[in-house]
Amino acid sequence: MGDKLGIYIHIPFCRSKCDYCDFYSLSGREGRMDHYQKALLAHLRETAPLTQGIPVDSVYFGGGTPSFYGAKRLKELLATLHKLFQIEKDAEITVECNPDSVDLRALCTLRKAGVNRLSLGMQSAQAEELAAIHRIHTPQQTDQAAGLARKAKFNNLSLDLIYGLPGQTMDSWKATVEHALSLIPQHLSCYGLKVEEGTPLARRVAEGEVLPDDDQQADLYLWTVGRLARAGYPQYEISNFAKPGFESRHNLRYWFTRPYIGFGPGAHSDFGGRRYSFVRDLDAYIDGVLHGGNVIDSSELIPQRERCGEYLMLRLRTAQGIDGVEYRRNYFMDFAPLEARLEQFAAQGWVERSPEGRWHFTPKGFLVSNQLIGELLSIQEEATLEKTLPRLKQGRPEEG
């Protein structure tokens, strides 16, 4: 994935917004879909010349609910991408779908258009848990959608699950995971429920609703890691599990700090040494793109020192972890202080060192990864130039 590029296209439309969701998404705005399509197509045409000569090996349609946007619009976007960008023949092309917004005709259209990976928002196999977070699909619709995906010749199916839901128990979570495995996906994403500020779920919690606590979530998580490993889905990132060869190429791009370009309101990019994002406002994005206005929300050049911190934060999310030789070569920083702390973490069972010398979190370590990474970043920050390089306080030797 060295110099290759990933493309993310944000589809912000939803049939209904879930109580826990903090992503930029909107319900009841279907009337703006055609205008949004025009803006996306214009933005693709405007950006494509900047990427000439750079192969694209992953395309990801996320949301919102891309399947709700309609297969016809997604097909048009894909045709434009293939025309304007250097999309590799074996590129991973993913579309997120909700079980209530897919049918066989739409899936066949997507498959023929070049989509080769579906990410299905299952979340739970328990009807009462889905209702508790205002998911509008049923468990039966998940089963039907998975079956339709197979009929449409998709052989790379990912299922999203959430643990820590209102009313969820260990038994109900186990039943959800077992049901997901029965659908024979190639990939599973298992996320712990987070209460995001400003969401309906946050208001419910503020009013006294009780959710599974951190200890209960930890038990659910550790059981999941073991069960999926036994089922043939090794963990390759803190929340992601896959059959060998079916790891998400696009998501690995984020964690390995590879370049990507995003399109749509709220979408982020990391391209040309600059990280930038677009406004989280559908109308402002459409009007800005179509009428020459500013759609940039934030933009910054990322110095190499900050990339060094990102290396720790993002690579340690993965099972591959970090490597001292790689660290020194890429960032010209001393790895010894970090390694000393990693050895302390290893004594606690939080990290392990592979035979190849790479340090990575254990499942137990992933549970406290934010705290541990924070400690490593503090150590990194203390590794100033004076500590990294010999001081030149004596000046040059006298010339003879």
Protein backbone atom coordinates (compact mmCIF):
# COMPACT_ATOMS: atom_id res chain seq x y z
CA MET A 1 0.00 0.00 0.00
CA GLY A 2 3.09 2.20 -0.24
CA ASP A 3 2.20 5.10 -2.56
CA LYS A 4 -1.33 4.02 -3.33
CA LEU A 5 -4.43 6.00 -2.47
CA GLY A 6 -7.75 5.30 -0.78
CA ILE A 7 -11.00 7.15 -1.53
CA TYR A 8 -13.82 7.63 0.96
CA ILE A 9 -17.24 8.94 -0.10
CA HIS A 10 -19.62 9.98 2.66
CA ILE A 11 -23.33 9.42 2.10
CA PRO A 12 -25.03 11.32 4.95
CA PHE A 13 -28.61 10.20 4.34
CA CYS A 14 -30.44 7.82 6.68
CA ARG A 15 -33.98 6.56 6.82
CA SER A 16 -33.85 6.97 10.59
CA LYS A 17 -31.09 8.17 12.92
CA CYS A 18 -29.98 5.75 15.65
CA ASP A 19 -29.84 6.95 19.25
CA TYR A 20 -26.11 6.33 19.68
CA CYS A 21 -24.88 7.76 16.37
CA ASP A 22 -22.48 10.71 16.37
CA PHE A 23 -21.53 10.54 12.69
CA TYR A 24 -22.73 13.32 10.42
CA SER A 25 -25.99 11.87 9.11
CA LEU A 26 -29.47 13.17 8.42
CA SER A 27 -32.95 11.73 8.16
CA GLY A 28 -35.82 13.30 6.24
CA ARG A 29 -33.53 15.00 3.69
CA GLU A 30 -34.11 12.71 0.73
CA GLY A 31 -35.18 15.74 -1.34
CA ARG A 32 -31.53 16.83 -1.46
CA MET A 33 -30.16 13.55 -2.80
CA ASP A 34 -30.05 14.62 -6.45
CA HIS A 35 -28.40 17.94 -5.57
CA TYR A 36 -25.88 16.07 -3.45
CA GLN A 37 -25.12 13.73 -6.33
CA LYS A 38 -24.33 16.70 -8.57
CA ALA A 39 -22.03 18.13 -5.91
CA LEU A 40 -20.17 14.84 -5.43
CA LEU A 41 -19.65 14.38 -9.17
CA ALA A 42 -18.37 17.94 -9.48
CA HIS A 43 -16.04 17.48 -6.51
CA LEU A 44 -14.63 14.26 -7.99
CA ARG A 45 -13.93 16.02 -11.30
CA GLU A 46 -12.28 18.91 -9.50
CA THR A 47 -10.02 16.69 -7.39
CA ALA A 48 -9.03 13.99 -9.87
CA PRO A 49 -6.19 15.94 -11.59
CA LEU A 50 -4.37 16.14 -8.24
CA THR A 51 -4.12 12.34 -8.12
CA GLN A 52 -2.81 11.63 -11.61
CA GLY A 53 -0.36 8.74 -11.63
CA ILE A 54 -1.41 7.51 -8.17
CA PRO A 55 -3.16 4.12 -8.18
CA VAL A 56 -6.26 3.74 -6.02
CA ASP A 57 -6.56 0.39 -4.24
CA SER A 58 -9.59 1.01 -2.00
CA VAL A 59 -12.90 2.86 -2.30
CA TYR A 60 -15.30 3.06 0.62
CA PHE A 61 -18.87 4.36 0.62
CA GLY A 62 -19.76 5.12 4.24
CA GLY A 63 -22.52 6.93 6.02
CA GLY A 64 -25.15 7.54 6.94
CA THR A 65 -26.61 4.73 4.90
CA PRO A 66 -25.20 4.39 1.38
CA SER A 67 -27.68 1.63 0.49
CA PHE A 68 -30.53 4.07 1.28
CA TYR A 69 -29.00 6.50 -1.25
CA GLY A 70 -29.85 4.09 -4.05
CA ALA A 71 -27.87 1.72 -6.24
CA LYS A 72 -28.34 3.90 -9.33
CA ARG A 73 -26.57 6.88 -7.76
CA LEU A 74 -23.79 4.69 -6.35
CA LYS A 75 -23.30 3.10 -9.78
CA GLU A 76 -22.94 6.56 -11.34
CA LEU A 77 -20.38 7.57 -8.74
CA LEU A 78 -18.38 4.40 -9.35
CA ALA A 79 -18.42 4.90 -13.12
CA THR A 80 -17.10 8.43 -12.59
CA LEU A 81 -14.39 7.19 -10.24
CA HIS A 82 -13.23 4.62 -12.80
CA LYS A 83 -13.19 7.29 -15.50
CA LEU A 84 -11.32 9.95 -13.54
CA PHE A 85 -9.09 8.02 -11.12
CA GLN A 86 -6.62 5.19 -11.57
CA ILE A 87 -8.70 2.49 -9.85
CA GLU A 88 -6.78 -0.78 -9.72
CA LYS A 89 -8.45 -3.88 -11.14
CA ASP A 90 -8.32 -5.64 -7.78
CA ALA A 91 -9.26 -2.58 -5.71
CA GLU A 92 -11.37 -3.24 -2.63
CA ILE A 93 -14.69 -1.41 -3.14
CA THR A 94 -16.98 -1.38 -0.09
CA VAL A 95 -20.54 -0.16 0.41
CA GLU A 96 -22.14 0.09 3.84
CA CYS A 97 -25.69 -1.27 3.92
CA ASN A 98 -28.51 -1.47 6.41
CA PRO A 99 -30.60 -4.65 6.33
CA ASP A 100 -33.82 -2.68 5.75
CA SER A 101 -32.57 -0.88 2.63
CA VAL A 102 -31.28 -3.64 0.33
CA ASP A 103 -32.93 -5.87 -2.23
CA LEU A 104 -31.60 -8.35 -4.77
CA ARG A 105 -31.90 -6.02 -7.73
CA ALA A 106 -29.95 -3.24 -5.99
CA LEU A 107 -27.23 -5.63 -4.82
CA CYS A 108 -26.84 -7.11 -8.31
CA THR A 109 -26.53 -3.57 -9.69
CA LEU A 110 -23.80 -2.77 -7.18
CA ARG A 111 -21.95 -6.01 -7.87
CA LYS A 112 -21.98 -5.43 -11.63
CA ALA A 113 -20.78 -1.86 -11.05
CA GLY A 114 -17.67 -3.19 -9.35
CA VAL A 115 -18.56 -3.26 -5.66
CA ASN A 116 -16.92 -6.36 -4.17
CA ARG A 117 -17.38 -5.91 -0.42
CA LEU A 118 -20.49 -5.23 1.67
CA SER A 119 -20.52 -4.00 5.26
CA LEU A 120 -23.87 -4.87 6.79
CA GLY A 121 -25.07 -3.06 9.92
CA MET A 122 -26.40 -6.03 11.88
CA GLN A 123 -25.57 -4.61 15.38
CA SER A 124 -27.59 -7.28 17.26
CA ALA A 125 -29.58 -10.45 16.70
CA GLN A 126 -32.02 -9.49 19.47
CA ALA A 127 -35.12 -7.54 18.44
CA GLU A 128 -35.46 -5.82 21.82
CA GLU A 129 -31.85 -4.60 21.73
CA LEU A 130 -32.30 -3.16 18.24
CA ALA A 131 -35.46 -1.39 19.36
CA ALA A 132 -33.65 0.01 22.40
CA ILE A 133 -31.27 1.99 20.17
CA HIS A 134 -33.93 2.82 17.55
CA ARG A 135 -32.52 0.60 14.82
CA ILE A 136 -35.43 0.12 12.45
CA HIS A 137 -34.45 -3.25 10.95
CA THR A 138 -35.31 -6.66 12.37
CA PRO A 139 -33.08 -9.70 12.91
CA GLN A 140 -35.00 -11.43 10.13
CA GLN A 141 -34.07 -8.63 7.71
CA THR A 142 -30.39 -9.15 8.56
CA ASP A 143 -30.69 -12.82 7.65
CA GLN A 144 -32.47 -11.95 4.42
CA ALA A 145 -29.89 -9.30 3.48
CA ALA A 146 -26.99 -11.71 4.05
CA GLY A 147 -28.71 -14.28 1.87
CA LEU A 148 -29.36 -11.74 -0.88
CA ALA A 149 -25.71 -10.70 -0.79
CA ARG A 150 -24.71 -14.29 -1.57
CA LYS A 151 -27.25 -14.50 -4.39
CA ALA A 152 -25.77 -11.31 -5.85
CA LYS A 153 -22.33 -13.03 -5.91
CA PHE A 154 -20.74 -11.13 -3.04
CA ASN A 155 -18.06 -13.26 -1.40
CA ASN A 156 -16.73 -10.61 0.98
CA LEU A 157 -19.32 -9.78 3.63
CA SER A 158 -18.63 -7.88 6.84
CA LEU A 159 -21.04 -7.65 9.76
CA ASP A 160 -21.07 -4.83 12.32
CA LEU A 161 -21.99 -5.72 15.91
CA ILE A 162 -22.24 -3.60 19.08
CA TYR A 163 -21.70 -4.84 22.62
CA GLY A 164 -22.77 -2.95 25.74
CA LEU A 165 -26.27 -2.19 24.41
CA PRO A 166 -29.15 -1.28 26.75
CA GLY A 167 -30.44 -4.45 28.38
CA GLN A 168 -27.71 -6.63 26.86
CA THR A 169 -26.38 -9.56 28.89
CA MET A 170 -23.53 -11.97 28.33
CA ASP A 171 -26.03 -14.60 27.18
CA SER A 172 -27.75 -12.29 24.69
CA TRP A 173 -24.39 -11.12 23.33
CA LYS A 174 -23.18 -14.68 22.92
CA ALA A 175 -26.38 -15.46 21.02
CA THR A 176 -25.77 -12.47 18.73
CA VAL A 177 -22.20 -13.51 17.97
CA GLU A 178 -23.19 -17.12 17.34
CA HIS A 179 -25.96 -15.97 15.02
CA ALA A 180 -23.52 -13.72 13.15
CA LEU A 181 -21.13 -16.65 12.71
CA SER A 182 -23.97 -18.74 11.30
CA LEU A 183 -24.26 -16.21 8.45
CA ILE A 184 -20.65 -17.08 7.47
CA PRO A 185 -19.25 -13.57 7.01
CA GLN A 186 -15.64 -13.00 6.00
CA HIS A 187 -15.21 -10.12 8.43
CA LEU A 188 -16.67 -8.94 11.74
CA SER A 189 -16.45 -5.52 13.39
CA CYS A 190 -17.36 -5.60 17.09
CA TYR A 191 -17.63 -2.19 18.74
CA GLY A 192 -18.19 -1.31 22.35
CA LEU A 193 -21.09 1.11 22.74
CA LYS A 194 -19.92 4.65 23.44
CA VAL A 195 -22.17 7.35 24.82
CA GLU A 196 -21.39 10.36 22.61
CA GLU A 197 -22.22 13.84 23.82
CA GLY A 198 -25.27 15.38 22.17
CA THR A 199 -26.88 12.10 21.11
CA PRO A 200 -30.31 10.88 22.25
CA LEU A 201 -28.54 8.05 24.08
CA ALA A 202 -26.52 10.59 26.08
CA ARG A 203 -29.73 12.30 27.13
CA ARG A 204 -31.22 8.97 28.16
CA VAL A 205 -28.19 8.17 30.30
CA ALA A 206 -28.30 11.66 31.84
CA GLU A 207 -31.91 10.97 32.78
CA GLY A 208 -30.90 7.82 34.64
CA GLU A 209 -30.89 4.96 32.14
CA VAL A 210 -28.30 2.34 33.12
CA LEU A 211 -26.07 0.65 30.55
CA PRO A 212 -23.60 -2.24 30.95
CA ASP A 213 -20.62 -0.76 32.81
CA ASP A 214 -16.94 -0.85 31.83
CA ASP A 215 -16.30 -4.13 33.63
CA GLN A 216 -19.25 -5.78 31.91
CA GLN A 217 -18.11 -4.46 28.52
CA ALA A 218 -14.63 -5.82 29.23
CA ASP A 219 -16.05 -9.28 29.91
CA LEU A 220 -18.05 -9.17 26.67
CA TYR A 221 -14.99 -8.04 24.73
CA LEU A 222 -12.60 -10.67 26.08
CA TRP A 223 -15.10 -13.45 25.44
CA THR A 224 -15.53 -12.16 21.87
CA VAL A 225 -11.80 -12.17 21.10
CA GLY A 226 -11.48 -15.78 22.22
CA ARG A 227 -14.64 -17.00 20.51
CA LEU A 228 -13.85 -15.42 17.17
CA ALA A 229 -10.27 -16.71 17.24
CA ARG A 230 -11.59 -20.23 17.74
CA ALA A 231 -14.03 -19.69 14.86
CA GLY A 232 -11.21 -18.71 12.49
CA TYR A 233 -11.44 -14.92 12.73
CA PRO A 234 -8.17 -13.65 14.23
CA GLN A 235 -8.21 -10.16 15.68
CA TYR A 236 -6.23 -7.78 13.46
CA GLU A 237 -7.30 -4.49 15.06
CA ILE A 238 -8.84 -3.55 18.38
CA SER A 239 -12.42 -3.91 17.06
CA ASN A 240 -11.95 -5.95 13.89
CA PHE A 241 -11.70 -9.65 13.11
CA ALA A 242 -11.39 -11.41 9.78
CA LYS A 243 -10.72 -14.66 8.07
CA PRO A 244 -7.13 -14.56 6.77
CA GLY A 245 -6.93 -12.46 3.61
CA PHE A 246 -10.18 -10.59 4.29
CA GLU A 247 -8.88 -7.80 6.51
CA SER A 248 -10.36 -4.44 5.47
CA ARG A 249 -7.80 -2.90 3.15
CA HIS A 250 -9.39 0.53 3.43
CA ASN A 251 -9.47 0.61 7.22
CA LEU A 252 -5.89 -0.63 7.42
CA ARG A 253 -4.99 2.42 5.37
CA TYR A 254 -6.10 4.68 8.24
CA TRP A 255 -4.24 2.69 10.90
CA PHE A 256 -1.06 2.47 8.82
CA THR A 257 -1.22 6.24 8.05
CA ARG A 258 -1.48 5.74 4.30
CA PRO A 259 -2.91 8.57 2.14
CA TYR A 260 -6.63 8.87 1.49
CA ILE A 261 -9.04 11.46 0.12
CA GLY A 262 -12.57 11.95 1.43
CA PHE A 263 -15.59 13.52 -0.24
CA GLY A 264 -18.78 14.79 1.36
CA PRO A 265 -19.79 16.77 4.46
CA GLY A 266 -17.70 15.83 7.49
CA ALA A 267 -15.31 13.68 5.41
CA HIS A 268 -11.62 13.75 6.34
CA SER A 269 -8.54 13.43 4.12
CA ASP A 270 -4.83 12.87 4.58
CA PHE A 271 -3.16 13.69 1.29
CA GLY A 272 -0.03 15.52 0.19
CA GLY A 273 1.21 15.87 3.75
CA ARG A 274 -1.91 17.79 4.74
CA ARG A 275 -4.88 16.67 6.81
CA TYR A 276 -8.16 18.41 6.09
CA SER A 277 -11.91 17.97 6.54
CA PHE A 278 -15.06 19.35 4.98
CA VAL A 279 -17.91 21.20 6.67
CA ARG A 280 -20.44 19.09 8.56
CA ASP A 281 -23.34 20.75 6.78
CA LEU A 282 -25.09 19.18 3.78
CA ASP A 283 -26.41 22.41 2.29
CA ALA A 284 -23.15 24.32 2.81
CA TYR A 285 -21.22 21.49 1.15
CA ILE A 286 -23.56 21.33 -1.86
CA ASP A 287 -23.65 25.10 -2.35
CA GLY A 288 -19.91 25.47 -1.82
CA VAL A 289 -18.94 22.81 -4.33
CA LEU A 290 -21.45 23.86 -6.99
CA HIS A 291 -21.00 27.62 -6.64
CA GLY A 292 -17.32 27.96 -5.80
CA GLY A 293 -17.61 28.59 -2.08
CA ASN A 294 -15.34 27.35 0.68
CA VAL A 295 -16.14 23.86 1.96
CA ILE A 296 -13.01 23.31 4.04
CA ASP A 297 -13.70 23.05 7.76
CA SER A 298 -10.12 22.44 8.93
CA SER A 299 -6.72 22.05 7.30
CA GLU A 300 -3.21 21.59 8.63
CA LEU A 301 0.20 20.46 7.50
CA ILE A 302 1.38 17.55 9.62
CA PRO A 303 5.02 17.78 10.73
CA GLN A 304 7.06 14.61 10.90
CA ARG A 305 7.19 14.81 14.71
CA GLU A 306 3.40 14.58 14.87
CA ARG A 307 3.45 11.68 12.41
CA CYS A 308 5.67 9.95 14.92
CA GLY A 309 2.92 10.20 17.53
CA GLU A 310 0.33 8.97 15.04
CA TYR A 311 2.50 5.96 14.37
CA LEU A 312 2.21 4.98 18.04
CA MET A 313 -1.50 5.76 18.36
CA LEU A 314 -2.67 4.10 15.18
CA ARG A 315 -0.29 1.17 14.72
CA LEU A 316 -0.89 0.07 18.30
CA ARG A 317 -4.57 -0.32 17.43
CA THR A 318 -3.54 -3.20 15.19
CA ALA A 319 -2.33 -6.70 15.95
CA GLN A 320 0.80 -5.91 13.93
CA GLY A 321 1.84 -3.23 16.44
CA ILE A 322 5.07 -1.21 16.30
CA ASP A 323 8.70 -1.97 15.54
CA GLY A 324 11.81 -0.25 16.88
CA VAL A 325 13.77 -0.45 13.63
CA GLU A 326 10.83 0.94 11.66
CA TYR A 327 10.39 3.71 14.24
CA ARG A 328 14.04 4.81 14.10
CA ARG A 329 14.24 4.61 10.32
CA ASN A 330 11.08 6.62 9.65
CA TYR A 331 11.23 9.22 12.42
CA PHE A 332 14.91 9.41 13.53
CA MET A 333 13.82 8.97 17.14
CA ASP A 334 15.32 6.84 19.90
CA PHE A 335 13.12 3.81 20.59
CA ALA A 336 14.94 2.75 23.78
CA PRO A 337 12.82 4.81 26.24
CA LEU A 338 9.64 3.45 24.69
CA GLU A 339 10.95 -0.09 24.73
CA ALA A 340 11.78 0.17 28.42
CA ARG A 341 8.16 1.13 29.17
CA LEU A 342 6.84 -1.57 26.84
CA GLU A 343 8.82 -4.15 28.81
CA GLN A 344 7.06 -2.92 31.95
CA PHE A 345 3.71 -3.29 30.19
CA ALA A 346 4.70 -6.82 29.14
CA ALA A 347 5.27 -7.75 32.78
CA GLN A 348 1.63 -6.79 33.41
CA GLY A 349 0.39 -8.89 30.50
CA TRP A 350 -0.66 -5.83 28.47
CA VAL A 351 1.73 -6.21 25.53
CA GLU A 352 3.72 -8.94 23.85
CA ARG A 353 6.75 -8.95 21.59
CA SER A 354 6.52 -11.09 18.48
CA PRO A 355 9.37 -13.30 17.27
CA GLU A 356 9.99 -10.62 14.62
CA GLY A 357 10.48 -8.02 17.35
CA ARG A 358 7.21 -6.13 16.98
CA TRP A 359 5.37 -4.94 20.08
CA HIS A 360 1.59 -5.32 20.14
CA PHE A 361 -1.22 -5.19 22.68
CA THR A 362 -2.79 -8.31 24.11
CA PRO A 363 -6.60 -8.42 24.38
CA LYS A 364 -6.14 -7.42 28.04
CA GLY A 365 -3.95 -4.51 26.92
CA PHE A 366 -6.47 -3.32 24.35
CA LEU A 367 -8.91 -2.73 27.20
CA VAL A 368 -6.60 -0.08 28.69
CA SER A 369 -4.94 0.97 25.44
CA ASN A 370 -5.85 4.66 25.70
CA GLN A 371 -4.07 4.96 29.04
CA LEU A 372 -1.03 2.97 27.87
CA ILE A 373 -0.67 4.88 24.62
CA GLY A 374 -0.92 8.12 26.59
CA GLU A 375 2.06 7.03 28.68
CA LEU A 376 4.06 6.20 25.56
CA LEU A 377 3.22 9.57 23.99
CA SER A 378 4.43 11.35 27.13
CA ILE A 379 7.72 9.48 26.94
CA GLN A 380 7.99 10.31 23.27
CA GLU A 381 7.38 14.00 23.98
CA GLU A 382 10.24 13.99 26.48
CA ALA A 383 12.60 12.63 23.84
CA THR A 384 13.76 16.11 22.84
CA LEU A 385 16.49 16.82 20.34
CA GLU A 386 19.01 17.18 23.15
CA LYS A 387 18.24 13.67 24.37
CA THR A 388 18.09 12.17 20.91
CA LEU A 389 21.31 13.57 19.49
CA PRO A 390 24.68 14.26 21.15
CA ARG A 391 24.97 17.84 22.31
CA LEU A 392 27.34 19.90 20.24
CA LYS A 393 28.44 22.06 23.14
CA GLN A 394 32.17 21.68 22.56
CA GLY A 395 32.00 23.13 19.09
CA ARG A 396 34.06 21.86 16.19
CA PRO A 397 37.51 20.36 16.63
CA GLU A 398 40.24 22.82 15.80
CA GLU A 399 41.40 22.58 12.25
CA GLY A 400 45.08 21.69 11.86
